[in-house]
Amino acid sequence: MMSGPDLGADGLARCPWGASTPDYAAYHDTEWGVPLRGVTALFERMSLEAFQSGLSWLVILRKREGFRRAFAGFDPETVAGFGADDVARLLADAGIVRNRAKIEATIRNARAVCDLDVPLDDLLWSFAPDTPERPAPELHTDVPATSPESKAMAKELKRRGFAFVGPTTCYALMQATGMVNDHLAGCWRRTATDLVGLSHPVP
């Protein structure tokens, strides 16, 4: 298995995971690592990262529209109002990952979002490293699974009542939403101009 960037048929070098399937390539090229803002957008991404725990991200990508339908577009106020009937509905929905603990955590997290005294995106972005960017990872094995910032984020989120937000899940969220740039050296997205300072809407 290659550890460095993989040159695709289109002549673009990508992180190896981003070159493995068309689904991954599209996500890698247009979303992963692009700074993301907005309470609903970040609640969605947080929820999907939690559902991904123990699974392939490809499963989540292919079910994302199903998740959006099932969870009312990830509107926190709507999801916060979900009750036992909604849990039963979601457990019967083949369009999502039917895991009771993760479903109930998503509802709990929506309520925690609504109880925040600051917007969710401000809270999450407060943990983005403010030091100069570390050297670009050369190989996929150079990319960490956690960081001091992700550990601090996880601790604060748990203090505020969130669930399924461990340091690894938080670091994956930081990678996905552009709080850190973990595209490999040589990947065309590493230095793409829209990877820095752009609020990129989820398509």
N, C-alpha and C. Protein backbone atom coordinates (compact mmCIF):
# COMPACT_ATOMS: atom_id res chain seq x y z
N MET A 1 0.84 -1.20 0.00
CA MET A 1 0.00 0.00 0.00
C MET A 1 0.88 1.25 0.00
N MET A 2 0.58 2.15 -0.92
CA MET A 2 1.36 3.38 -0.99
C MET A 2 1.11 4.22 0.25
N SER A 3 2.15 4.90 0.70
CA SER A 3 2.03 5.75 1.87
C SER A 3 2.05 7.22 1.53
N GLY A 4 2.62 7.55 0.36
CA GLY A 4 2.68 8.93 -0.07
C GLY A 4 1.56 9.24 -1.05
N PRO A 5 1.55 10.45 -1.62
CA PRO A 5 0.52 10.81 -2.59
C PRO A 5 0.46 9.84 -3.77
N ASP A 6 -0.74 9.64 -4.26
CA ASP A 6 -0.99 8.71 -5.36
C ASP A 6 -1.39 9.53 -6.59
N LEU A 7 -0.69 9.33 -7.68
CA LEU A 7 -0.97 10.06 -8.91
C LEU A 7 -2.16 9.43 -9.62
N GLY A 8 -3.22 10.20 -9.82
CA GLY A 8 -4.42 9.68 -10.45
C GLY A 8 -4.36 9.76 -11.97
N ALA A 9 -5.34 9.16 -12.61
CA ALA A 9 -5.40 9.16 -14.07
C ALA A 9 -5.56 10.58 -14.62
N ASP A 10 -6.05 11.49 -13.80
CA ASP A 10 -6.22 12.88 -14.23
C ASP A 10 -4.94 13.70 -14.05
N GLY A 11 -3.87 13.04 -13.60
CA GLY A 11 -2.59 13.71 -13.43
C GLY A 11 -2.43 14.43 -12.12
N LEU A 12 -3.41 14.34 -11.23
CA LEU A 12 -3.33 15.00 -9.94
C LEU A 12 -2.87 14.03 -8.86
N ALA A 13 -1.94 14.47 -8.04
CA ALA A 13 -1.46 13.65 -6.92
C ALA A 13 -2.36 13.91 -5.72
N ARG A 14 -2.86 12.85 -5.12
CA ARG A 14 -3.75 12.96 -3.97
C ARG A 14 -3.24 12.13 -2.81
N CYS A 15 -3.70 12.48 -1.60
CA CYS A 15 -3.48 11.60 -0.46
C CYS A 15 -3.99 10.21 -0.86
N PRO A 16 -3.30 9.14 -0.47
CA PRO A 16 -3.65 7.81 -1.00
C PRO A 16 -5.11 7.42 -0.76
N TRP A 17 -5.67 7.78 0.40
CA TRP A 17 -7.08 7.43 0.63
C TRP A 17 -7.98 8.17 -0.34
N GLY A 18 -7.58 9.39 -0.72
CA GLY A 18 -8.39 10.20 -1.62
C GLY A 18 -8.36 9.75 -3.06
N ALA A 19 -7.45 8.84 -3.36
CA ALA A 19 -7.34 8.33 -4.74
C ALA A 19 -7.93 6.93 -4.86
N SER A 20 -8.49 6.41 -3.77
CA SER A 20 -8.88 5.00 -3.77
C SER A 20 -10.23 4.71 -4.43
N THR A 21 -11.18 5.64 -4.35
CA THR A 21 -12.49 5.45 -4.98
C THR A 21 -12.98 6.81 -5.48
N PRO A 22 -13.89 6.83 -6.46
CA PRO A 22 -14.44 8.11 -6.92
C PRO A 22 -15.12 8.89 -5.80
N ASP A 23 -15.79 8.19 -4.87
CA ASP A 23 -16.46 8.87 -3.76
C ASP A 23 -15.44 9.60 -2.89
N TYR A 24 -14.35 8.89 -2.59
CA TYR A 24 -13.31 9.50 -1.78
C TYR A 24 -12.63 10.65 -2.53
N ALA A 25 -12.40 10.47 -3.81
CA ALA A 25 -11.72 11.52 -4.59
C ALA A 25 -12.54 12.81 -4.58
N ALA A 26 -13.84 12.69 -4.76
CA ALA A 26 -14.70 13.88 -4.77
C ALA A 26 -14.69 14.56 -3.40
N TYR A 27 -14.77 13.77 -2.35
CA TYR A 27 -14.75 14.33 -1.00
C TYR A 27 -13.39 14.96 -0.69
N HIS A 28 -12.33 14.27 -1.04
CA HIS A 28 -10.97 14.77 -0.84
C HIS A 28 -10.74 16.08 -1.58
N ASP A 29 -11.22 16.15 -2.81
CA ASP A 29 -10.94 17.31 -3.65
C ASP A 29 -11.79 18.53 -3.32
N THR A 30 -12.98 18.32 -2.79
CA THR A 30 -13.89 19.46 -2.63
C THR A 30 -14.24 19.82 -1.19
N GLU A 31 -13.99 18.90 -0.24
CA GLU A 31 -14.44 19.16 1.12
C GLU A 31 -13.37 18.98 2.19
N TRP A 32 -12.68 17.85 2.18
CA TRP A 32 -11.80 17.50 3.29
C TRP A 32 -10.68 18.53 3.43
N GLY A 33 -10.60 19.15 4.58
CA GLY A 33 -9.55 20.13 4.83
C GLY A 33 -9.90 21.55 4.47
N VAL A 34 -11.10 21.75 3.90
CA VAL A 34 -11.53 23.11 3.55
C VAL A 34 -12.22 23.72 4.77
N PRO A 35 -11.80 24.89 5.23
CA PRO A 35 -12.41 25.50 6.41
C PRO A 35 -13.93 25.60 6.30
N LEU A 36 -14.61 25.09 7.31
CA LEU A 36 -16.06 25.03 7.33
C LEU A 36 -16.59 25.80 8.53
N ARG A 37 -17.59 26.61 8.30
CA ARG A 37 -18.24 27.38 9.37
C ARG A 37 -19.75 27.14 9.31
N GLY A 38 -20.42 27.55 10.37
CA GLY A 38 -21.88 27.42 10.42
C GLY A 38 -22.28 26.35 11.41
N VAL A 39 -23.24 26.68 12.26
CA VAL A 39 -23.67 25.77 13.31
C VAL A 39 -24.23 24.48 12.74
N THR A 40 -25.15 24.58 11.78
CA THR A 40 -25.77 23.38 11.21
C THR A 40 -24.74 22.53 10.48
N ALA A 41 -23.88 23.16 9.69
CA ALA A 41 -22.87 22.42 8.94
C ALA A 41 -21.92 21.69 9.87
N LEU A 42 -21.51 22.34 10.95
CA LEU A 42 -20.57 21.70 11.87
C LEU A 42 -21.27 20.66 12.75
N PHE A 43 -22.54 20.86 13.08
CA PHE A 43 -23.27 19.83 13.81
C PHE A 43 -23.41 18.58 12.94
N GLU A 44 -23.68 18.78 11.67
CA GLU A 44 -23.74 17.63 10.75
C GLU A 44 -22.40 16.89 10.73
N ARG A 45 -21.31 17.62 10.53
CA ARG A 45 -20.01 16.99 10.42
C ARG A 45 -19.63 16.28 11.72
N MET A 46 -19.93 16.91 12.86
CA MET A 46 -19.66 16.28 14.15
C MET A 46 -20.46 14.98 14.28
N SER A 47 -21.72 15.03 13.88
CA SER A 47 -22.57 13.85 13.98
C SER A 47 -22.08 12.72 13.09
N LEU A 48 -21.71 13.05 11.87
CA LEU A 48 -21.25 12.02 10.94
C LEU A 48 -19.93 11.41 11.39
N GLU A 49 -19.06 12.23 11.95
CA GLU A 49 -17.79 11.69 12.46
C GLU A 49 -18.08 10.71 13.61
N ALA A 50 -19.06 11.00 14.43
CA ALA A 50 -19.41 10.09 15.52
C ALA A 50 -19.98 8.79 14.97
N PHE A 51 -20.85 8.89 13.96
CA PHE A 51 -21.40 7.68 13.35
C PHE A 51 -20.30 6.85 12.67
N GLN A 52 -19.25 7.51 12.20
CA GLN A 52 -18.18 6.80 11.50
C GLN A 52 -17.35 5.94 12.44
N SER A 53 -17.33 6.25 13.71
CA SER A 53 -16.49 5.53 14.66
C SER A 53 -16.65 4.02 14.51
N GLY A 54 -15.54 3.35 14.19
CA GLY A 54 -15.56 1.90 14.01
C GLY A 54 -15.96 1.44 12.62
N LEU A 55 -16.27 2.39 11.75
CA LEU A 55 -16.69 2.06 10.38
C LEU A 55 -15.82 2.77 9.37
N SER A 56 -15.96 2.40 8.11
CA SER A 56 -15.29 3.10 7.02
C SER A 56 -16.01 4.43 6.76
N TRP A 57 -15.25 5.49 6.52
CA TRP A 57 -15.87 6.77 6.18
C TRP A 57 -16.66 6.65 4.88
N LEU A 58 -16.28 5.71 4.02
CA LEU A 58 -16.99 5.51 2.76
C LEU A 58 -18.45 5.14 3.02
N VAL A 59 -18.71 4.35 4.05
CA VAL A 59 -20.08 4.00 4.41
C VAL A 59 -20.88 5.26 4.73
N ILE A 60 -20.26 6.16 5.49
CA ILE A 60 -20.94 7.40 5.88
C ILE A 60 -21.19 8.29 4.67
N LEU A 61 -20.18 8.42 3.81
CA LEU A 61 -20.34 9.25 2.62
C LEU A 61 -21.51 8.77 1.76
N ARG A 62 -21.60 7.47 1.58
CA ARG A 62 -22.64 6.92 0.71
C ARG A 62 -24.03 6.99 1.34
N LYS A 63 -24.09 7.19 2.65
CA LYS A 63 -25.38 7.31 3.34
C LYS A 63 -25.68 8.74 3.76
N ARG A 64 -24.85 9.70 3.35
CA ARG A 64 -24.99 11.05 3.87
C ARG A 64 -26.35 11.67 3.58
N GLU A 65 -26.87 11.47 2.38
CA GLU A 65 -28.19 12.02 2.07
C GLU A 65 -29.26 11.37 2.92
N GLY A 66 -29.09 10.08 3.20
CA GLY A 66 -30.03 9.40 4.09
C GLY A 66 -29.98 9.97 5.50
N PHE A 67 -28.77 10.26 5.97
CA PHE A 67 -28.62 10.89 7.29
C PHE A 67 -29.31 12.26 7.30
N ARG A 68 -29.12 13.02 6.26
CA ARG A 68 -29.71 14.37 6.22
C ARG A 68 -31.23 14.30 6.27
N ARG A 69 -31.80 13.36 5.52
CA ARG A 69 -33.27 13.21 5.56
C ARG A 69 -33.73 12.76 6.94
N ALA A 70 -33.02 11.80 7.50
CA ALA A 70 -33.43 11.22 8.78
C ALA A 70 -33.32 12.21 9.94
N PHE A 71 -32.31 13.08 9.86
CA PHE A 71 -32.06 14.01 10.96
C PHE A 71 -32.42 15.45 10.60
N ALA A 72 -33.44 15.61 9.77
CA ALA A 72 -34.01 16.94 9.49
C ALA A 72 -32.95 17.95 9.06
N GLY A 73 -32.04 17.50 8.17
CA GLY A 73 -31.00 18.39 7.70
C GLY A 73 -30.02 18.80 8.78
N PHE A 74 -30.01 18.06 9.88
CA PHE A 74 -29.13 18.34 11.03
C PHE A 74 -29.38 19.71 11.63
N ASP A 75 -30.63 20.14 11.59
CA ASP A 75 -30.99 21.36 12.31
C ASP A 75 -31.00 21.02 13.79
N PRO A 76 -30.12 21.64 14.60
CA PRO A 76 -30.01 21.24 16.00
C PRO A 76 -31.31 21.37 16.78
N GLU A 77 -32.07 22.45 16.57
CA GLU A 77 -33.29 22.63 17.35
C GLU A 77 -34.32 21.55 17.03
N THR A 78 -34.40 21.15 15.76
CA THR A 78 -35.34 20.10 15.39
C THR A 78 -34.91 18.76 15.98
N VAL A 79 -33.63 18.43 15.83
CA VAL A 79 -33.13 17.15 16.34
C VAL A 79 -33.23 17.10 17.87
N ALA A 80 -33.03 18.23 18.51
CA ALA A 80 -33.14 18.28 19.97
C ALA A 80 -34.52 17.89 20.45
N GLY A 81 -35.52 18.06 19.60
CA GLY A 81 -36.89 17.72 19.97
C GLY A 81 -37.27 16.29 19.67
N PHE A 82 -36.36 15.50 19.13
CA PHE A 82 -36.65 14.10 18.84
C PHE A 82 -36.92 13.34 20.14
N GLY A 83 -37.88 12.42 20.08
CA GLY A 83 -38.21 11.60 21.24
C GLY A 83 -38.13 10.12 20.91
N ALA A 84 -38.79 9.32 21.73
CA ALA A 84 -38.72 7.86 21.59
C ALA A 84 -39.24 7.39 20.23
N ASP A 85 -40.29 8.01 19.72
CA ASP A 85 -40.82 7.61 18.41
C ASP A 85 -39.80 7.87 17.31
N ASP A 86 -39.07 8.96 17.43
CA ASP A 86 -38.04 9.27 16.43
C ASP A 86 -36.90 8.26 16.51
N VAL A 87 -36.52 7.88 17.73
CA VAL A 87 -35.46 6.88 17.88
C VAL A 87 -35.89 5.58 17.20
N ALA A 88 -37.13 5.16 17.41
CA ALA A 88 -37.64 3.95 16.78
C ALA A 88 -37.64 4.09 15.26
N ARG A 89 -38.04 5.26 14.77
CA ARG A 89 -38.03 5.51 13.32
C ARG A 89 -36.62 5.40 12.76
N LEU A 90 -35.66 5.99 13.46
CA LEU A 90 -34.29 5.98 12.98
C LEU A 90 -33.69 4.58 13.02
N LEU A 91 -34.05 3.80 14.02
CA LEU A 91 -33.54 2.43 14.11
C LEU A 91 -34.08 1.55 12.98
N ALA A 92 -35.17 1.97 12.38
CA ALA A 92 -35.76 1.21 11.27
C ALA A 92 -35.35 1.75 9.90
N ASP A 93 -34.55 2.81 9.89
CA ASP A 93 -34.18 3.49 8.65
C ASP A 93 -32.89 2.90 8.07
N ALA A 94 -33.01 2.15 6.98
CA ALA A 94 -31.84 1.53 6.35
C ALA A 94 -30.96 2.55 5.64
N GLY A 95 -31.42 3.79 5.55
CA GLY A 95 -30.63 4.81 4.89
C GLY A 95 -29.54 5.39 5.75
N ILE A 96 -29.50 4.99 7.04
CA ILE A 96 -28.47 5.47 7.95
C ILE A 96 -27.80 4.28 8.63
N VAL A 97 -26.83 4.57 9.48
CA VAL A 97 -26.22 3.54 10.33
C VAL A 97 -27.14 3.39 11.54
N ARG A 98 -27.72 2.22 11.70
CA ARG A 98 -28.73 2.00 12.74
C ARG A 98 -28.06 1.52 14.03
N ASN A 99 -27.50 2.45 14.74
CA ASN A 99 -26.82 2.18 15.99
C ASN A 99 -27.49 3.02 17.07
N ARG A 100 -28.15 2.35 18.01
CA ARG A 100 -28.94 3.08 19.00
C ARG A 100 -28.10 4.09 19.79
N ALA A 101 -26.91 3.66 20.23
CA ALA A 101 -26.09 4.56 21.04
C ALA A 101 -25.71 5.81 20.27
N LYS A 102 -25.40 5.66 18.98
CA LYS A 102 -25.00 6.82 18.18
C LYS A 102 -26.20 7.70 17.84
N ILE A 103 -27.34 7.08 17.61
CA ILE A 103 -28.56 7.85 17.36
C ILE A 103 -28.91 8.68 18.59
N GLU A 104 -28.91 8.05 19.74
CA GLU A 104 -29.25 8.77 20.97
C GLU A 104 -28.21 9.83 21.30
N ALA A 105 -26.93 9.57 20.96
CA ALA A 105 -25.89 10.57 21.19
C ALA A 105 -26.11 11.78 20.29
N THR A 106 -26.56 11.56 19.06
CA THR A 106 -26.82 12.68 18.14
C THR A 106 -27.92 13.57 18.68
N ILE A 107 -28.97 12.96 19.22
CA ILE A 107 -30.06 13.75 19.82
C ILE A 107 -29.55 14.49 21.06
N ARG A 108 -28.80 13.79 21.88
CA ARG A 108 -28.21 14.44 23.07
C ARG A 108 -27.32 15.60 22.67
N ASN A 109 -26.53 15.41 21.61
CA ASN A 109 -25.62 16.46 21.18
C ASN A 109 -26.37 17.66 20.62
N ALA A 110 -27.48 17.40 19.94
CA ALA A 110 -28.29 18.52 19.44
C ALA A 110 -28.78 19.36 20.61
N ARG A 111 -29.20 18.70 21.69
CA ARG A 111 -29.65 19.43 22.88
C ARG A 111 -28.50 20.20 23.50
N ALA A 112 -27.31 19.60 23.48
CA ALA A 112 -26.14 20.30 24.02
C ALA A 112 -25.80 21.52 23.18
N VAL A 113 -25.96 21.40 21.85
CA VAL A 113 -25.73 22.56 20.97
C VAL A 113 -26.69 23.68 21.34
N CYS A 114 -27.94 23.34 21.54
CA CYS A 114 -28.94 24.36 21.87
C CYS A 114 -28.69 25.00 23.23
N ASP A 115 -28.01 24.30 24.11
CA ASP A 115 -27.73 24.83 25.45
C ASP A 115 -26.44 25.66 25.52
N LEU A 116 -25.68 25.70 24.42
CA LEU A 116 -24.41 26.42 24.44
C LEU A 116 -24.61 27.91 24.66
N ASP A 117 -23.64 28.53 25.32
CA ASP A 117 -23.67 29.97 25.50
C ASP A 117 -22.87 30.70 24.42
N VAL A 118 -22.30 29.94 23.49
CA VAL A 118 -21.61 30.49 22.32
C VAL A 118 -22.02 29.64 21.12
N PRO A 119 -21.95 30.17 19.89
CA PRO A 119 -22.28 29.35 18.73
C PRO A 119 -21.33 28.14 18.64
N LEU A 120 -21.86 27.02 18.16
CA LEU A 120 -21.05 25.81 18.06
C LEU A 120 -19.79 26.02 17.25
N ASP A 121 -19.91 26.75 16.13
CA ASP A 121 -18.71 26.91 15.30
C ASP A 121 -17.64 27.74 16.02
N ASP A 122 -18.06 28.74 16.80
CA ASP A 122 -17.08 29.51 17.57
C ASP A 122 -16.39 28.63 18.61
N LEU A 123 -17.18 27.78 19.27
CA LEU A 123 -16.59 26.88 20.27
C LEU A 123 -15.58 25.94 19.63
N LEU A 124 -15.98 25.27 18.55
CA LEU A 124 -15.09 24.30 17.92
C LEU A 124 -13.84 24.97 17.36
N TRP A 125 -14.01 26.09 16.70
CA TRP A 125 -12.85 26.76 16.09
C TRP A 125 -11.92 27.38 17.13
N SER A 126 -12.39 27.52 18.36
CA SER A 126 -11.50 28.05 19.39
C SER A 126 -10.37 27.07 19.70
N PHE A 127 -10.51 25.82 19.26
CA PHE A 127 -9.47 24.82 19.48
C PHE A 127 -8.54 24.64 18.28
N ALA A 128 -8.79 25.38 17.21
CA ALA A 128 -7.89 25.30 16.06
C ALA A 128 -6.51 25.82 16.46
N PRO A 129 -5.43 25.14 16.09
CA PRO A 129 -4.09 25.61 16.48
C PRO A 129 -3.85 27.02 15.97
N ASP A 130 -3.30 27.87 16.84
CA ASP A 130 -3.00 29.24 16.42
C ASP A 130 -1.50 29.44 16.20
N THR A 131 -0.76 28.34 16.26
CA THR A 131 0.67 28.39 15.98
C THR A 131 0.89 28.14 14.49
N PRO A 132 2.04 28.52 13.96
CA PRO A 132 2.30 28.25 12.55
C PRO A 132 2.12 26.77 12.22
N GLU A 133 1.64 26.53 11.02
CA GLU A 133 1.36 25.16 10.58
C GLU A 133 2.60 24.28 10.69
N ARG A 134 2.39 23.06 11.17
CA ARG A 134 3.52 22.14 11.27
C ARG A 134 3.94 21.70 9.88
N PRO A 135 5.12 21.14 9.73
CA PRO A 135 5.55 20.67 8.41
C PRO A 135 4.54 19.69 7.82
N ALA A 136 4.39 19.75 6.52
CA ALA A 136 3.43 18.86 5.85
C ALA A 136 3.84 17.41 6.04
N PRO A 137 2.89 16.53 6.39
CA PRO A 137 3.23 15.11 6.50
C PRO A 137 3.65 14.55 5.14
N GLU A 138 4.68 13.75 5.13
CA GLU A 138 5.16 13.15 3.89
C GLU A 138 4.41 11.87 3.56
N LEU A 139 4.09 11.08 4.60
CA LEU A 139 3.44 9.79 4.44
C LEU A 139 2.18 9.74 5.30
N HIS A 140 1.29 8.82 4.97
CA HIS A 140 0.07 8.73 5.77
C HIS A 140 0.38 8.34 7.21
N THR A 141 1.49 7.65 7.41
CA THR A 141 1.88 7.27 8.77
C THR A 141 2.38 8.46 9.58
N ASP A 142 2.62 9.59 8.93
CA ASP A 142 3.05 10.80 9.64
C ASP A 142 1.87 11.59 10.21
N VAL A 143 0.66 11.22 9.80
CA VAL A 143 -0.53 11.96 10.22
C VAL A 143 -0.99 11.42 11.58
N PRO A 144 -1.08 12.28 12.59
CA PRO A 144 -1.47 11.80 13.92
C PRO A 144 -2.95 11.44 14.00
N ALA A 145 -3.30 10.67 15.02
CA ALA A 145 -4.70 10.32 15.26
C ALA A 145 -5.35 11.29 16.24
N THR A 146 -4.54 11.95 17.05
CA THR A 146 -5.03 12.94 18.00
C THR A 146 -4.01 14.06 18.09
N SER A 147 -4.35 15.09 18.81
CA SER A 147 -3.44 16.21 19.05
C SER A 147 -3.79 16.80 20.41
N PRO A 148 -2.92 17.63 20.97
CA PRO A 148 -3.29 18.30 22.23
C PRO A 148 -4.58 19.09 22.09
N GLU A 149 -4.77 19.70 20.92
CA GLU A 149 -5.98 20.49 20.70
C GLU A 149 -7.23 19.61 20.64
N SER A 150 -7.12 18.45 19.99
CA SER A 150 -8.30 17.57 19.90
C SER A 150 -8.64 16.98 21.27
N LYS A 151 -7.62 16.75 22.08
CA LYS A 151 -7.87 16.26 23.44
C LYS A 151 -8.56 17.33 24.27
N ALA A 152 -8.14 18.58 24.10
CA ALA A 152 -8.78 19.68 24.83
C ALA A 152 -10.21 19.88 24.35
N MET A 153 -10.43 19.77 23.03
CA MET A 153 -11.78 19.91 22.48
C MET A 153 -12.69 18.82 23.05
N ALA A 154 -12.21 17.58 23.04
CA ALA A 154 -13.01 16.47 23.54
C ALA A 154 -13.38 16.68 25.01
N LYS A 155 -12.42 17.11 25.78
CA LYS A 155 -12.67 17.34 27.21
C LYS A 155 -13.73 18.41 27.43
N GLU A 156 -13.65 19.50 26.66
CA GLU A 156 -14.61 20.59 26.83
C GLU A 156 -15.99 20.18 26.34
N LEU A 157 -16.05 19.47 25.22
CA LEU A 157 -17.35 19.03 24.70
C LEU A 157 -18.03 18.07 25.69
N LYS A 158 -17.26 17.17 26.24
CA LYS A 158 -17.85 16.24 27.22
C LYS A 158 -18.33 17.00 28.46
N ARG A 159 -17.57 18.02 28.87
CA ARG A 159 -17.98 18.82 30.01
C ARG A 159 -19.31 19.50 29.74
N ARG A 160 -19.55 19.82 28.47
CA ARG A 160 -20.78 20.52 28.09
C ARG A 160 -21.91 19.55 27.72
N GLY A 161 -21.69 18.26 27.95
CA GLY A 161 -22.78 17.30 27.76
C GLY A 161 -22.80 16.55 26.46
N PHE A 162 -21.78 16.70 25.63
CA PHE A 162 -21.73 15.99 24.35
C PHE A 162 -21.25 14.56 24.56
N ALA A 163 -21.64 13.68 23.63
CA ALA A 163 -21.25 12.27 23.67
C ALA A 163 -20.63 11.87 22.33
N PHE A 164 -19.88 10.76 22.34
CA PHE A 164 -19.19 10.27 21.15
C PHE A 164 -18.28 11.34 20.56
N VAL A 165 -17.54 12.02 21.43
CA VAL A 165 -16.64 13.08 20.99
C VAL A 165 -15.27 12.88 21.65
N GLY A 166 -14.69 11.70 21.44
CA GLY A 166 -13.37 11.44 21.97
C GLY A 166 -12.30 12.18 21.19
N PRO A 167 -11.07 12.17 21.67
CA PRO A 167 -9.98 12.91 21.00
C PRO A 167 -9.76 12.50 19.55
N THR A 168 -9.92 11.22 19.22
CA THR A 168 -9.73 10.78 17.84
C THR A 168 -10.83 11.30 16.94
N THR A 169 -12.08 11.22 17.41
CA THR A 169 -13.20 11.76 16.64
C THR A 169 -13.05 13.27 16.47
N CYS A 170 -12.63 13.95 17.53
CA CYS A 170 -12.44 15.40 17.43
C CYS A 170 -11.32 15.74 16.45
N TYR A 171 -10.26 14.94 16.44
CA TYR A 171 -9.18 15.25 15.49
C TYR A 171 -9.64 15.01 14.05
N ALA A 172 -10.42 13.96 13.83
CA ALA A 172 -10.96 13.73 12.49
C ALA A 172 -11.85 14.90 12.08
N LEU A 173 -12.61 15.43 13.03
CA LEU A 173 -13.44 16.61 12.74
C LEU A 173 -12.57 17.81 12.39
N MET A 174 -11.48 17.99 13.12
CA MET A 174 -10.57 19.11 12.84
C MET A 174 -9.94 18.98 11.46
N GLN A 175 -9.59 17.76 11.08
CA GLN A 175 -9.03 17.53 9.74
C GLN A 175 -10.06 17.84 8.67
N ALA A 176 -11.26 17.30 8.86
CA ALA A 176 -12.30 17.41 7.84
C ALA A 176 -12.75 18.84 7.61
N THR A 177 -12.72 19.66 8.67
CA THR A 177 -13.28 21.00 8.58
C THR A 177 -12.21 22.09 8.47
N GLY A 178 -11.00 21.69 8.19
CA GLY A 178 -9.95 22.66 7.89
C GLY A 178 -9.32 23.33 9.08
N MET A 179 -9.55 22.83 10.28
CA MET A 179 -8.87 23.41 11.44
C MET A 179 -7.39 23.05 11.45
N VAL A 180 -7.08 21.94 10.82
CA VAL A 180 -5.69 21.55 10.56
C VAL A 180 -5.62 21.12 9.10
N ASN A 181 -4.44 21.19 8.52
CA ASN A 181 -4.24 20.78 7.13
C ASN A 181 -3.36 19.54 7.12
N ASP A 182 -4.00 18.37 6.94
CA ASP A 182 -3.26 17.12 6.94
C ASP A 182 -3.16 16.49 5.56
N HIS A 183 -3.39 17.28 4.50
CA HIS A 183 -3.05 16.79 3.17
C HIS A 183 -1.54 16.57 3.11
N LEU A 184 -1.13 15.49 2.47
CA LEU A 184 0.28 15.17 2.42
C LEU A 184 1.06 16.14 1.54
N ALA A 185 2.33 16.26 1.81
CA ALA A 185 3.22 17.03 0.93
C ALA A 185 3.16 16.38 -0.45
N GLY A 186 2.95 17.17 -1.46
CA GLY A 186 2.85 16.65 -2.81
C GLY A 186 1.42 16.45 -3.27
N CYS A 187 0.46 16.42 -2.33
CA CYS A 187 -0.95 16.34 -2.71
C CYS A 187 -1.37 17.69 -3.28
N TRP A 188 -2.10 17.67 -4.38
CA TRP A 188 -2.44 18.93 -5.03
C TRP A 188 -3.32 19.83 -4.14
N ARG A 189 -4.05 19.22 -3.21
CA ARG A 189 -4.90 20.02 -2.34
C ARG A 189 -4.13 20.68 -1.21
N ARG A 190 -2.90 20.26 -0.99
CA ARG A 190 -2.14 20.80 0.14
C ARG A 190 -2.01 22.31 0.07
N THR A 191 -1.72 22.83 -1.08
CA THR A 191 -1.49 24.27 -1.22
C THR A 191 -2.51 24.95 -2.12
N ALA A 192 -3.64 24.26 -2.38
CA ALA A 192 -4.67 24.88 -3.21
C ALA A 192 -5.14 26.17 -2.54
N THR A 193 -5.35 27.20 -3.34
CA THR A 193 -5.65 28.52 -2.78
C THR A 193 -6.93 28.55 -1.97
N ASP A 194 -7.92 27.68 -2.29
CA ASP A 194 -9.18 27.73 -1.56
C ASP A 194 -9.16 26.84 -0.32
N LEU A 195 -7.97 26.34 0.05
CA LEU A 195 -7.88 25.53 1.25
C LEU A 195 -7.64 26.39 2.49
N VAL A 196 -7.38 27.66 2.29
CA VAL A 196 -7.09 28.55 3.40
C VAL A 196 -8.06 29.72 3.37
N GLY A 197 -8.72 29.95 4.48
CA GLY A 197 -9.54 31.14 4.64
C GLY A 197 -10.85 31.15 3.89
N LEU A 198 -11.33 29.95 3.49
CA LEU A 198 -12.57 29.90 2.74
C LEU A 198 -13.63 29.17 3.56
N SER A 199 -14.79 29.78 3.70
CA SER A 199 -15.90 29.10 4.33
C SER A 199 -16.61 28.32 3.26
N HIS A 200 -16.41 27.01 3.24
CA HIS A 200 -16.88 26.17 2.15
C HIS A 200 -18.18 25.49 2.51
N PRO A 201 -19.28 25.76 1.82
CA PRO A 201 -20.54 25.13 2.17
C PRO A 201 -20.55 23.65 1.83
N VAL A 202 -21.21 22.87 2.65
CA VAL A 202 -21.39 21.46 2.34
C VAL A 202 -22.34 21.36 1.15
N PRO A 203 -21.97 20.62 0.10
CA PRO A 203 -22.84 20.56 -1.08
C PRO A 203 -24.12 19.80 -0.79
